[in-house]
């Protein structure tokens, strides 16, 4: 049977629109069941705290539970692998940290390529670092520390939260940019490193502000500079490190990703909802104790991840760092 031309064009147009309608319907229907959020760190860690805070509000907005699933181990690679292997349907999310960018170079062999296999959704918070020294060290400013370290090459020790952690590569970057010879002492985690810094067993450390602020306020540690674009409202008298080392930047950036090939409509919906959560005054206030919120599109976030990966790759190669 031969169809009239007008009828044929109408059917053809309808068929062409089906994929678009299907994608829109899929995004509108998402989510229809609980969403699992994989966190590659243990309960009580900064990533875990942020995930539960944002996840609770996000679940209220999307009408489905956000289940935080802690998968610590392997420098966060274990949790990342779970998400890489998950179905790309938006029901398995990854809590992204700097470890994902660092591990791309730190580990010789991974079963995945993070930039290729994880689709960026949205950043959440940037956690500021602070350059700390033991008060017994006769340096009260960054220039004084650099001068003292150069006058005593190899005699100062710098603690870190572990090989390949942000505190580690932040210190290595400082060494590269200033030319100081300081011995790096990696610990298993941050707390024992901070304890030894307070005790004077090591002399300097780059640490997150939330974990060290009380020790700064009580005089147990001396803050030489904030590693942030601007001074902190919590410690307004502490200068920023770029006043003395132009171009230096190191921070912990947390965000959200999904498996590659997750429909763009679902990624876009998640991004919009997360950014809406971060815009809420209550959430911004509660996150202020940890860092500053960051709102970017998936494409902008992907570009930032790529830049962070390349930045830390240069530091890791220059310092010849290897995973344990």
C-alpha atoms as a PDB file:
ATOM      1  CA  UNK A   1       0.000   0.000   0.000  1.00  0.00           C
ATOM      2  CA  UNK A   2       1.325   3.398  -0.959  1.00  0.00           C
ATOM      3  CA  UNK A   3       1.088   6.061   1.752  1.00  0.00           C
ATOM      4  CA  UNK A   4       0.024   9.597   0.872  1.00  0.00           C
ATOM      5  CA  UNK A   5       3.005  11.969   0.901  1.00  0.00           C
ATOM      6  CA  UNK A   6       1.661  14.030   3.843  1.00  0.00           C
ATOM      7  CA  UNK A   7       1.047  10.887   5.923  1.00  0.00           C
ATOM      8  CA  UNK A   8       4.508   9.547   5.069  1.00  0.00           C
ATOM      9  CA  UNK A   9       6.240  12.780   6.147  1.00  0.00           C
ATOM     10  CA  UNK A  10       4.232  12.839   9.376  1.00  0.00           C
ATOM     11  CA  UNK A  11       5.282   9.274  10.248  1.00  0.00           C
ATOM     12  CA  UNK A  12       8.913   9.947   9.325  1.00  0.00           C
ATOM     13  CA  UNK A  13       9.014  13.035  11.536  1.00  0.00           C
ATOM     14  CA  UNK A  14       7.489  11.095  14.402  1.00  0.00           C
ATOM     15  CA  UNK A  15      10.038   8.294  14.031  1.00  0.00           C
ATOM     16  CA  UNK A  16      12.911  10.778  14.007  1.00  0.00           C
ATOM     17  CA  UNK A  17      11.652  12.326  17.230  1.00  0.00           C
ATOM     18  CA  UNK A  18      11.414   9.000  19.054  1.00  0.00           C
ATOM     19  CA  UNK A  19      15.052   8.919  20.281  1.00  0.00           C
ATOM     20  CA  UNK A  20      14.712  12.452  21.662  1.00  0.00           C
ATOM     21  CA  UNK A  21      11.409  11.666  23.340  1.00  0.00           C
ATOM     22  CA  UNK A  22      12.881   8.439  24.730  1.00  0.00           C
ATOM     23  CA  UNK A  23      15.880  10.262  26.213  1.00  0.00           C
ATOM     24  CA  UNK A  24      13.701  12.951  27.762  1.00  0.00           C
ATOM     25  CA  UNK A  25      11.328  10.354  29.204  1.00  0.00           C
ATOM     26  CA  UNK A  26      14.261   8.401  30.609  1.00  0.00           C
ATOM     27  CA  UNK A  27      15.690  11.501  32.311  1.00  0.00           C
ATOM     28  CA  UNK A  28      12.279  12.492  33.657  1.00  0.00           C
ATOM     29  CA  UNK A  29      11.739   8.994  35.073  1.00  0.00           C
ATOM     30  CA  UNK A  30      15.181   8.951  36.731  1.00  0.00           C
ATOM     31  CA  UNK A  31      15.595   7.993  39.484  1.00  0.00           C
ATOM     32  CA  UNK A  32      12.977   5.354  40.159  1.00  0.00           C
ATOM     33  CA  UNK A  33      14.964   3.460  42.804  1.00  0.00           C
ATOM     34  CA  UNK A  34      17.730   4.134  45.377  1.00  0.00           C
ATOM     35  CA  UNK A  35      21.061   5.494  44.141  1.00  0.00           C
ATOM     36  CA  UNK A  36      24.336   4.089  45.494  1.00  0.00           C
ATOM     37  CA  UNK A  37      27.202   6.533  46.119  1.00  0.00           C
ATOM     38  CA  UNK A  38      30.596   4.820  46.366  1.00  0.00           C
ATOM     39  CA  UNK A  39      33.080   6.566  48.678  1.00  0.00           C
ATOM     40  CA  UNK A  40      36.655   5.268  48.525  1.00  0.00           C
ATOM     41  CA  UNK A  41      37.342   6.217  52.142  1.00  0.00           C
ATOM     42  CA  UNK A  42      36.166   4.975  55.507  1.00  0.00           C
ATOM     43  CA  UNK A  43      33.311   6.217  57.708  1.00  0.00           C
ATOM     44  CA  UNK A  44      34.097   9.487  59.459  1.00  0.00           C
ATOM     45  CA  UNK A  45      36.602  10.631  56.830  1.00  0.00           C
ATOM     46  CA  UNK A  46      36.148  14.019  55.160  1.00  0.00           C
ATOM     47  CA  UNK A  47      34.807  12.449  51.925  1.00  0.00           C
ATOM     48  CA  UNK A  48      32.353  10.351  53.955  1.00  0.00           C
ATOM     49  CA  UNK A  49      31.130  13.371  55.941  1.00  0.00           C
ATOM     50  CA  UNK A  50      30.604  15.453  52.792  1.00  0.00           C
ATOM     51  CA  UNK A  51      28.888  12.597  50.944  1.00  0.00           C
ATOM     52  CA  UNK A  52      26.400  12.030  53.766  1.00  0.00           C
ATOM     53  CA  UNK A  53      25.690  15.737  54.164  1.00  0.00           C
ATOM     54  CA  UNK A  54      25.083  16.374  50.468  1.00  0.00           C
ATOM     55  CA  UNK A  55      23.535  12.959  49.873  1.00  0.00           C
ATOM     56  CA  UNK A  56      20.806  13.485  52.453  1.00  0.00           C
ATOM     57  CA  UNK A  57      19.657  16.723  50.855  1.00  0.00           C
ATOM     58  CA  UNK A  58      20.056  15.349  47.340  1.00  0.00           C
ATOM     59  CA  UNK A  59      17.849  12.373  48.172  1.00  0.00           C
ATOM     60  CA  UNK A  60      15.127  14.752  49.331  1.00  0.00           C
ATOM     61  CA  UNK A  61      15.290  16.634  46.051  1.00  0.00           C
ATOM     62  CA  UNK A  62      15.216  13.592  43.749  1.00  0.00           C
ATOM     63  CA  UNK A  63      12.765  11.586  45.851  1.00  0.00           C
ATOM     64  CA  UNK A  64      14.971   8.504  46.247  1.00  0.00           C
ATOM     65  CA  UNK A  65      17.456   7.390  48.925  1.00  0.00           C
ATOM     66  CA  UNK A  66      21.156   8.096  48.359  1.00  0.00           C
ATOM     67  CA  UNK A  67      22.981   5.155  49.928  1.00  0.00           C
ATOM     68  CA  UNK A  68      26.591   5.969  50.862  1.00  0.00           C
ATOM     69  CA  UNK A  69      28.690   2.847  50.316  1.00  0.00           C
ATOM     70  CA  UNK A  70      32.187   3.078  51.838  1.00  0.00           C
ATOM     71  CA  UNK A  71      34.819   1.126  49.882  1.00  0.00           C
ATOM     72  CA  UNK A  72      38.186   2.172  51.346  1.00  0.00           C
ATOM     73  CA  UNK A  73      41.495   0.694  50.227  1.00  0.00           C
ATOM     74  CA  UNK A  74      43.984   0.852  47.405  1.00  0.00           C
ATOM     75  CA  UNK A  75      44.268   4.624  47.609  1.00  0.00           C
ATOM     76  CA  UNK A  76      40.563   4.844  46.578  1.00  0.00           C
ATOM     77  CA  UNK A  77      41.170   2.587  43.558  1.00  0.00           C
ATOM     78  CA  UNK A  78      38.953  -0.178  44.950  1.00  0.00           C
ATOM     79  CA  UNK A  79      35.910   2.094  45.102  1.00  0.00           C
ATOM     80  CA  UNK A  80      36.675   3.589  41.706  1.00  0.00           C
ATOM     81  CA  UNK A  81      36.852   0.127  40.145  1.00  0.00           C
ATOM     82  CA  UNK A  82      33.371  -0.661  41.492  1.00  0.00           C
ATOM     83  CA  UNK A  83      31.926   2.355  39.687  1.00  0.00           C
ATOM     84  CA  UNK A  84      33.886   1.723  36.492  1.00  0.00           C
ATOM     85  CA  UNK A  85      32.334  -1.773  36.352  1.00  0.00           C
ATOM     86  CA  UNK A  86      28.802  -0.593  37.201  1.00  0.00           C
ATOM     87  CA  UNK A  87      25.993  -0.163  34.690  1.00  0.00           C
ATOM     88  CA  UNK A  88      25.957   3.347  33.185  1.00  0.00           C
ATOM     89  CA  UNK A  89      22.412   4.067  34.307  1.00  0.00           C
ATOM     90  CA  UNK A  90      22.929   6.760  36.953  1.00  0.00           C
ATOM     91  CA  UNK A  91      22.287   4.426  39.893  1.00  0.00           C
ATOM     92  CA  UNK A  92      25.947   4.113  40.885  1.00  0.00           C
ATOM     93  CA  UNK A  93      27.886   7.299  41.638  1.00  0.00           C
ATOM     94  CA  UNK A  94      31.532   7.845  42.570  1.00  0.00           C
ATOM     95  CA  UNK A  95      32.796  10.277  45.172  1.00  0.00           C
ATOM     96  CA  UNK A  96      35.756  11.812  43.325  1.00  0.00           C
ATOM     97  CA  UNK A  97      38.806  13.096  45.203  1.00  0.00           C
ATOM     98  CA  UNK A  98      42.285  14.273  44.212  1.00  0.00           C
ATOM     99  CA  UNK A  99      43.435  10.687  44.653  1.00  0.00           C
ATOM    100  CA  UNK A 100      41.766   9.851  41.351  1.00  0.00           C
ATOM    101  CA  UNK A 101      43.842  12.469  39.545  1.00  0.00           C
ATOM    102  CA  UNK A 102      47.045  11.529  41.396  1.00  0.00           C
ATOM    103  CA  UNK A 103      46.673   7.756  41.020  1.00  0.00           C
ATOM    104  CA  UNK A 104      46.600   8.006  37.230  1.00  0.00           C
ATOM    105  CA  UNK A 105      50.375   8.548  37.365  1.00  0.00           C
ATOM    106  CA  UNK A 106      51.285   7.206  40.810  1.00  0.00           C
ATOM    107  CA  UNK A 107      50.231   3.643  39.939  1.00  0.00           C
ATOM    108  CA  UNK A 108      52.001   1.920  37.070  1.00  0.00           C
ATOM    109  CA  UNK A 109      49.130  -0.448  36.349  1.00  0.00           C
ATOM    110  CA  UNK A 110      45.435   0.210  36.907  1.00  0.00           C
ATOM    111  CA  UNK A 111      42.534  -1.745  35.474  1.00  0.00           C
ATOM    112  CA  UNK A 112      40.910   1.488  34.344  1.00  0.00           C
ATOM    113  CA  UNK A 113      41.663   4.909  32.931  1.00  0.00           C
ATOM    114  CA  UNK A 114      39.931   7.380  35.200  1.00  0.00           C
ATOM    115  CA  UNK A 115      39.435  10.197  32.681  1.00  0.00           C
ATOM    116  CA  UNK A 116      38.218   7.747  30.041  1.00  0.00           C
ATOM    117  CA  UNK A 117      36.051   5.524  32.237  1.00  0.00           C
ATOM    118  CA  UNK A 118      34.375   8.000  34.614  1.00  0.00           C
ATOM    119  CA  UNK A 119      31.980  10.725  33.468  1.00  0.00           C
ATOM    120  CA  UNK A 120      32.282  13.916  35.554  1.00  0.00           C
ATOM    121  CA  UNK A 121      29.010  15.184  37.038  1.00  0.00           C
ATOM    122  CA  UNK A 122      29.734  18.036  39.439  1.00  0.00           C
ATOM    123  CA  UNK A 123      32.339  19.233  41.941  1.00  0.00           C
ATOM    124  CA  UNK A 124      31.158  19.740  45.515  1.00  0.00           C
ATOM    125  CA  UNK A 125      33.762  21.375  47.697  1.00  0.00           C
ATOM    126  CA  UNK A 126      37.346  22.595  47.577  1.00  0.00           C
ATOM    127  CA  UNK A 127      39.138  21.987  50.869  1.00  0.00           C
ATOM    128  CA  UNK A 128      41.874  24.485  51.662  1.00  0.00           C
ATOM    129  CA  UNK A 129      45.320  23.438  52.830  1.00  0.00           C
ATOM    130  CA  UNK A 130      47.565  25.255  55.241  1.00  0.00           C
ATOM    131  CA  UNK A 131      51.357  25.221  55.562  1.00  0.00           C
ATOM    132  CA  UNK A 132      52.200  24.272  59.159  1.00  0.00           C
ATOM    133  CA  UNK A 133      55.387  24.177  61.207  1.00  0.00           C
ATOM    134  CA  UNK A 134      56.209  23.162  64.737  1.00  0.00           C
ATOM    135  CA  UNK A 135      56.407  26.323  66.913  1.00  0.00           C
ATOM    136  CA  UNK A 136      59.978  25.428  67.934  1.00  0.00           C
ATOM    137  CA  UNK A 137      61.140  26.143  64.376  1.00  0.00           C
ATOM    138  CA  UNK A 138      62.589  29.694  64.208  1.00  0.00           C
ATOM    139  CA  UNK A 139      60.499  30.702  61.211  1.00  0.00           C
ATOM    140  CA  UNK A 140      57.309  32.753  61.295  1.00  0.00           C
ATOM    141  CA  UNK A 141      56.827  33.407  57.578  1.00  0.00           C
ATOM    142  CA  UNK A 142      57.169  31.456  54.337  1.00  0.00           C
ATOM    143  CA  UNK A 143      60.238  33.469  53.191  1.00  0.00           C
ATOM    144  CA  UNK A 144      61.882  32.805  56.561  1.00  0.00           C
ATOM    145  CA  UNK A 145      61.161  29.087  56.222  1.00  0.00           C
ATOM    146  CA  UNK A 146      62.615  28.959  52.706  1.00  0.00           C
ATOM    147  CA  UNK A 147      65.750  30.793  53.836  1.00  0.00           C
ATOM    148  CA  UNK A 148      66.148  28.545  56.887  1.00  0.00           C
ATOM    149  CA  UNK A 149      65.644  25.368  54.847  1.00  0.00           C
ATOM    150  CA  UNK A 150      68.231  26.474  52.286  1.00  0.00           C
ATOM    151  CA  UNK A 151      70.675  27.283  55.079  1.00  0.00           C
ATOM    152  CA  UNK A 152      70.105  23.786  56.508  1.00  0.00           C
ATOM    153  CA  UNK A 153      69.743  21.509  53.457  1.00  0.00           C
ATOM    154  CA  UNK A 154      68.442  18.020  54.224  1.00  0.00           C
ATOM    155  CA  UNK A 155      68.060  18.695  57.935  1.00  0.00           C
ATOM    156  CA  UNK A 156      64.328  19.487  58.040  1.00  0.00           C
ATOM    157  CA  UNK A 157      61.652  16.814  57.766  1.00  0.00           C
ATOM    158  CA  UNK A 158      58.239  17.219  56.166  1.00  0.00           C
ATOM    159  CA  UNK A 159      55.360  14.960  57.205  1.00  0.00           C
ATOM    160  CA  UNK A 160      52.620  13.781  54.862  1.00  0.00           C
ATOM    161  CA  UNK A 161      49.467  11.696  55.199  1.00  0.00           C
ATOM    162  CA  UNK A 162      50.966   8.991  52.980  1.00  0.00           C
ATOM    163  CA  UNK A 163      52.666   8.428  49.654  1.00  0.00           C
ATOM    164  CA  UNK A 164      50.672  10.021  46.864  1.00  0.00           C
ATOM    165  CA  UNK A 165      48.224  11.848  49.119  1.00  0.00           C
ATOM    166  CA  UNK A 166      47.478  15.501  48.460  1.00  0.00           C
ATOM    167  CA  UNK A 167      49.523  16.545  51.493  1.00  0.00           C
ATOM    168  CA  UNK A 168      52.459  14.598  50.044  1.00  0.00           C
ATOM    169  CA  UNK A 169      52.354  15.962  46.504  1.00  0.00           C
ATOM    170  CA  UNK A 170      51.587  19.449  47.862  1.00  0.00           C
ATOM    171  CA  UNK A 171      54.854  19.311  49.781  1.00  0.00           C
ATOM    172  CA  UNK A 172      56.743  17.985  46.777  1.00  0.00           C
ATOM    173  CA  UNK A 173      55.345  20.796  44.643  1.00  0.00           C
ATOM    174  CA  UNK A 174      56.519  23.331  47.239  1.00  0.00           C
ATOM    175  CA  UNK A 175      60.005  21.796  47.176  1.00  0.00           C
ATOM    176  CA  UNK A 176      60.088  21.955  43.373  1.00  0.00           C
ATOM    177  CA  UNK A 177      58.952  25.568  43.185  1.00  0.00           C
ATOM    178  CA  UNK A 178      61.186  26.903  45.966  1.00  0.00           C
ATOM    179  CA  UNK A 179      64.272  24.723  45.544  1.00  0.00           C
ATOM    180  CA  UNK A 180      64.431  23.669  49.197  1.00  0.00           C
ATOM    181  CA  UNK A 181      65.949  20.337  50.247  1.00  0.00           C
ATOM    182  CA  UNK A 182      63.584  18.875  52.844  1.00  0.00           C
ATOM    183  CA  UNK A 183      63.264  15.193  53.709  1.00  0.00           C
ATOM    184  CA  UNK A 184      59.741  13.840  53.182  1.00  0.00           C
ATOM    185  CA  UNK A 185      58.381  11.462  55.827  1.00  0.00           C
ATOM    186  CA  UNK A 186      55.179   9.702  54.682  1.00  0.00           C
ATOM    187  CA  UNK A 187      52.823   8.360  57.340  1.00  0.00           C
ATOM    188  CA  UNK A 188      49.962   5.905  56.893  1.00  0.00           C
ATOM    189  CA  UNK A 189      47.322   8.577  57.506  1.00  0.00           C
ATOM    190  CA  UNK A 190      47.071  12.239  58.450  1.00  0.00           C
ATOM    191  CA  UNK A 191      46.374  12.092  62.228  1.00  0.00           C
ATOM    192  CA  UNK A 192      49.659  10.409  63.270  1.00  0.00           C
ATOM    193  CA  UNK A 193      51.583  12.771  61.010  1.00  0.00           C
ATOM    194  CA  UNK A 194      49.913  15.735  62.680  1.00  0.00           C
ATOM    195  CA  UNK A 195      50.618  14.244  66.108  1.00  0.00           C
ATOM    196  CA  UNK A 196      54.322  13.944  65.334  1.00  0.00           C
ATOM    197  CA  UNK A 197      54.376  17.486  63.966  1.00  0.00           C
ATOM    198  CA  UNK A 198      52.911  18.761  67.238  1.00  0.00           C
ATOM    199  CA  UNK A 199      55.474  16.702  69.170  1.00  0.00           C
ATOM    200  CA  UNK A 200      58.320  18.153  67.114  1.00  0.00           C
ATOM    201  CA  UNK A 201      59.423  14.847  65.577  1.00  0.00           C
ATOM    202  CA  UNK A 202      58.938  16.473  62.149  1.00  0.00           C
ATOM    203  CA  UNK A 203      59.082  20.171  61.352  1.00  0.00           C
ATOM    204  CA  UNK A 204      56.664  21.006  58.540  1.00  0.00           C
ATOM    205  CA  UNK A 205      53.499  19.689  56.911  1.00  0.00           C
ATOM    206  CA  UNK A 206      50.813  20.682  54.411  1.00  0.00           C
ATOM    207  CA  UNK A 207      47.480  19.684  55.921  1.00  0.00           C
ATOM    208  CA  UNK A 208      43.803  20.439  55.441  1.00  0.00           C
ATOM    209  CA  UNK A 209      42.550  23.369  57.473  1.00  0.00           C
ATOM    210  CA  UNK A 210      39.631  21.476  59.154  1.00  0.00           C
ATOM    211  CA  UNK A 211      41.913  18.879  60.728  1.00  0.00           C
ATOM    212  CA  UNK A 212      44.538  21.351  61.949  1.00  0.00           C
ATOM    213  CA  UNK A 213      42.625  24.525  62.858  1.00  0.00           C
ATOM    214  CA  UNK A 214      42.222  23.733  66.560  1.00  0.00           C
ATOM    215  CA  UNK A 215      45.946  23.017  66.921  1.00  0.00           C
ATOM    216  CA  UNK A 216      46.639  26.371  65.249  1.00  0.00           C
ATOM    217  CA  UNK A 217      44.246  28.234  67.526  1.00  0.00           C
ATOM    218  CA  UNK A 218      45.706  26.669  70.656  1.00  0.00           C
ATOM    219  CA  UNK A 219      49.279  27.421  69.601  1.00  0.00           C
ATOM    220  CA  UNK A 220      50.328  23.792  69.225  1.00  0.00           C
ATOM    221  CA  UNK A 221      51.143  24.499  65.577  1.00  0.00           C
ATOM    222  CA  UNK A 222      52.152  27.619  63.686  1.00  0.00           C
ATOM    223  CA  UNK A 223      50.425  28.379  60.377  1.00  0.00           C
ATOM    224  CA  UNK A 224      52.752  30.095  57.915  1.00  0.00           C
ATOM    225  CA  UNK A 225      50.305  30.449  55.035  1.00  0.00           C
ATOM    226  CA  UNK A 226      46.929  29.420  53.681  1.00  0.00           C
ATOM    227  CA  UNK A 227      47.049  27.447  50.449  1.00  0.00           C
ATOM    228  CA  UNK A 228      43.961  29.134  49.017  1.00  0.00           C
ATOM    229  CA  UNK A 229      43.020  31.942  46.593  1.00  0.00           C
ATOM    230  CA  UNK A 230      42.027  34.238  49.475  1.00  0.00           C
ATOM    231  CA  UNK A 231      42.525  34.480  53.213  1.00  0.00           C
ATOM    232  CA  UNK A 232      40.337  32.283  55.361  1.00  0.00           C
ATOM    233  CA  UNK A 233      37.541  33.866  57.379  1.00  0.00           C
ATOM    234  CA  UNK A 234      38.432  31.370  60.104  1.00  0.00           C
ATOM    235  CA  UNK A 235      42.060  32.560  60.249  1.00  0.00           C
ATOM    236  CA  UNK A 236      42.025  36.049  58.720  1.00  0.00           C
ATOM    237  CA  UNK A 237      45.520  36.953  59.960  1.00  0.00           C
ATOM    238  CA  UNK A 238      47.216  34.135  58.046  1.00  0.00           C
ATOM    239  CA  UNK A 239      48.524  35.253  54.606  1.00  0.00           C
ATOM    240  CA  UNK A 240      48.082  33.236  51.421  1.00  0.00           C
ATOM    241  CA  UNK A 241      51.031  31.296  50.062  1.00  0.00           C
ATOM    242  CA  UNK A 242      50.951  32.864  46.589  1.00  0.00           C
ATOM    243  CA  UNK A 243      52.064  36.138  48.173  1.00  0.00           C
ATOM    244  CA  UNK A 244      55.441  34.419  48.542  1.00  0.00           C
ATOM    245  CA  UNK A 245      55.395  31.555  46.002  1.00  0.00           C
ATOM    246  CA  UNK A 246      53.517  32.857  42.936  1.00  0.00           C
ATOM    247  CA  UNK A 247      51.550  30.186  41.083  1.00  0.00           C
ATOM    248  CA  UNK A 248      51.562  27.656  43.916  1.00  0.00           C
ATOM    249  CA  UNK A 249      48.215  25.867  44.394  1.00  0.00           C
ATOM    250  CA  UNK A 250      47.233  22.665  46.173  1.00  0.00           C
ATOM    251  CA  UNK A 251      43.825  21.769  47.544  1.00  0.00           C
ATOM    252  CA  UNK A 252      41.529  18.813  48.019  1.00  0.00           C
ATOM    253  CA  UNK A 253      38.692  18.871  45.474  1.00  0.00           C
ATOM    254  CA  UNK A 254      35.704  16.599  46.076  1.00  0.00           C
ATOM    255  CA  UNK A 255      33.049  15.841  43.476  1.00  0.00           C
ATOM    256  CA  UNK A 256      30.744  13.323  41.810  1.00  0.00           C
ATOM    257  CA  UNK A 257      31.152  11.045  38.814  1.00  0.00           C
ATOM    258  CA  UNK A 258      29.311   8.203  37.083  1.00  0.00           C
ATOM    259  CA  UNK A 259      30.374   5.349  34.789  1.00  0.00           C
ATOM    260  CA  UNK A 260      31.173   6.378  31.219  1.00  0.00           C
ATOM    261  CA  UNK A 261      28.269   6.264  28.755  1.00  0.00           C
ATOM    262  CA  UNK A 262      25.761   7.293  31.415  1.00  0.00           C
ATOM    263  CA  UNK A 263      23.055   9.175  29.440  1.00  0.00           C
ATOM    264  CA  UNK A 264      23.854  12.888  29.204  1.00  0.00           C
ATOM    265  CA  UNK A 265      20.310  13.713  30.308  1.00  0.00           C
ATOM    266  CA  UNK A 266      20.850  11.849  33.578  1.00  0.00           C
ATOM    267  CA  UNK A 267      24.299  13.398  34.095  1.00  0.00           C
ATOM    268  CA  UNK A 268      22.772  16.820  33.457  1.00  0.00           C
ATOM    269  CA  UNK A 269      19.918  16.204  35.870  1.00  0.00           C
ATOM    270  CA  UNK A 270      22.307  15.067  38.608  1.00  0.00           C
ATOM    271  CA  UNK A 271      24.558  18.060  37.989  1.00  0.00           C
ATOM    272  CA  UNK A 272      21.673  20.498  38.231  1.00  0.00           C
ATOM    273  CA  UNK A 273      20.325  18.923  41.411  1.00  0.00           C
ATOM    274  CA  UNK A 274      23.746  18.820  43.105  1.00  0.00           C
ATOM    275  CA  UNK A 275      24.463  22.442  42.222  1.00  0.00           C
ATOM    276  CA  UNK A 276      21.018  23.357  43.575  1.00  0.00           C
ATOM    277  CA  UNK A 277      21.857  21.609  46.851  1.00  0.00           C
ATOM    278  CA  UNK A 278      25.165  23.482  47.078  1.00  0.00           C
ATOM    279  CA  UNK A 279      23.376  26.794  46.562  1.00  0.00           C
ATOM    280  CA  UNK A 280      21.228  26.294  49.665  1.00  0.00           C
ATOM    281  CA  UNK A 281      22.368  28.602  52.495  1.00  0.00           C
ATOM    282  CA  UNK A 282      22.231  25.840  55.119  1.00  0.00           C
ATOM    283  CA  UNK A 283      24.440  23.525  53.064  1.00  0.00           C
ATOM    284  CA  UNK A 284      26.886  26.323  52.252  1.00  0.00           C
ATOM    285  CA  UNK A 285      27.123  27.180  55.957  1.00  0.00           C
ATOM    286  CA  UNK A 286      27.738  23.591  57.019  1.00  0.00           C
ATOM    287  CA  UNK A 287      30.321  23.007  54.283  1.00  0.00           C
ATOM    288  CA  UNK A 288      32.118  26.240  55.234  1.00  0.00           C
ATOM    289  CA  UNK A 289      33.718  24.335  58.118  1.00  0.00           C
ATOM    290  CA  UNK A 290      35.334  22.035  55.557  1.00  0.00           C
ATOM    291  CA  UNK A 291      35.928  24.275  52.552  1.00  0.00           C
ATOM    292  CA  UNK A 292      34.187  26.292  49.866  1.00  0.00           C
ATOM    293  CA  UNK A 293      31.454  24.975  47.566  1.00  0.00           C
ATOM    294  CA  UNK A 294      32.150  24.752  43.838  1.00  0.00           C
ATOM    295  CA  UNK A 295      29.485  24.868  41.105  1.00  0.00           C
ATOM    296  CA  UNK A 296      30.508  23.842  37.581  1.00  0.00           C
ATOM    297  CA  UNK A 297      28.918  22.130  34.594  1.00  0.00           C
ATOM    298  CA  UNK A 298      29.966  18.526  33.816  1.00  0.00           C
ATOM    299  CA  UNK A 299      32.154  19.776  30.957  1.00  0.00           C
ATOM    300  CA  UNK A 300      33.844  22.401  33.138  1.00  0.00           C
ATOM    301  CA  UNK A 301      34.414  19.852  35.875  1.00  0.00           C
ATOM    302  CA  UNK A 302      35.883  17.405  33.384  1.00  0.00           C
ATOM    303  CA  UNK A 303      38.332  20.058  32.202  1.00  0.00           C
ATOM    304  CA  UNK A 304      39.353  20.768  35.798  1.00  0.00           C
ATOM    305  CA  UNK A 305      39.946  17.057  36.474  1.00  0.00           C
ATOM    306  CA  UNK A 306      42.131  16.803  33.365  1.00  0.00           C
ATOM    307  CA  UNK A 307      44.155  19.835  34.472  1.00  0.00           C
ATOM    308  CA  UNK A 308      44.624  18.414  37.989  1.00  0.00           C
ATOM    309  CA  UNK A 309      45.697  15.057  36.559  1.00  0.00           C
ATOM    310  CA  UNK A 310      48.347  16.667  34.352  1.00  0.00           C
ATOM    311  CA  UNK A 311      49.535  18.977  37.128  1.00  0.00           C
ATOM    312  CA  UNK A 312      50.137  16.195  39.628  1.00  0.00           C
ATOM    313  CA  UNK A 313      51.597  13.927  36.955  1.00  0.00           C
ATOM    314  CA  UNK A 314      54.446  16.418  36.497  1.00  0.00           C
ATOM    315  CA  UNK A 315      55.103  16.526  40.246  1.00  0.00           C
ATOM    316  CA  UNK A 316      54.983  12.736  40.640  1.00  0.00           C
ATOM    317  CA  UNK A 317      57.363  12.178  37.719  1.00  0.00           C
ATOM    318  CA  UNK A 318      59.768  14.880  38.881  1.00  0.00           C
ATOM    319  CA  UNK A 319      59.844  13.500  42.436  1.00  0.00           C
ATOM    320  CA  UNK A 320      59.916   9.897  41.133  1.00  0.00           C
ATOM    321  CA  UNK A 321      57.068   8.901  43.432  1.00  0.00           C
ATOM    322  CA  UNK A 322      55.758   5.330  43.416  1.00  0.00           C
ATOM    323  CA  UNK A 323      52.764   3.745  45.133  1.00  0.00           C
ATOM    324  CA  UNK A 324      53.555   1.435  48.029  1.00  0.00           C
END
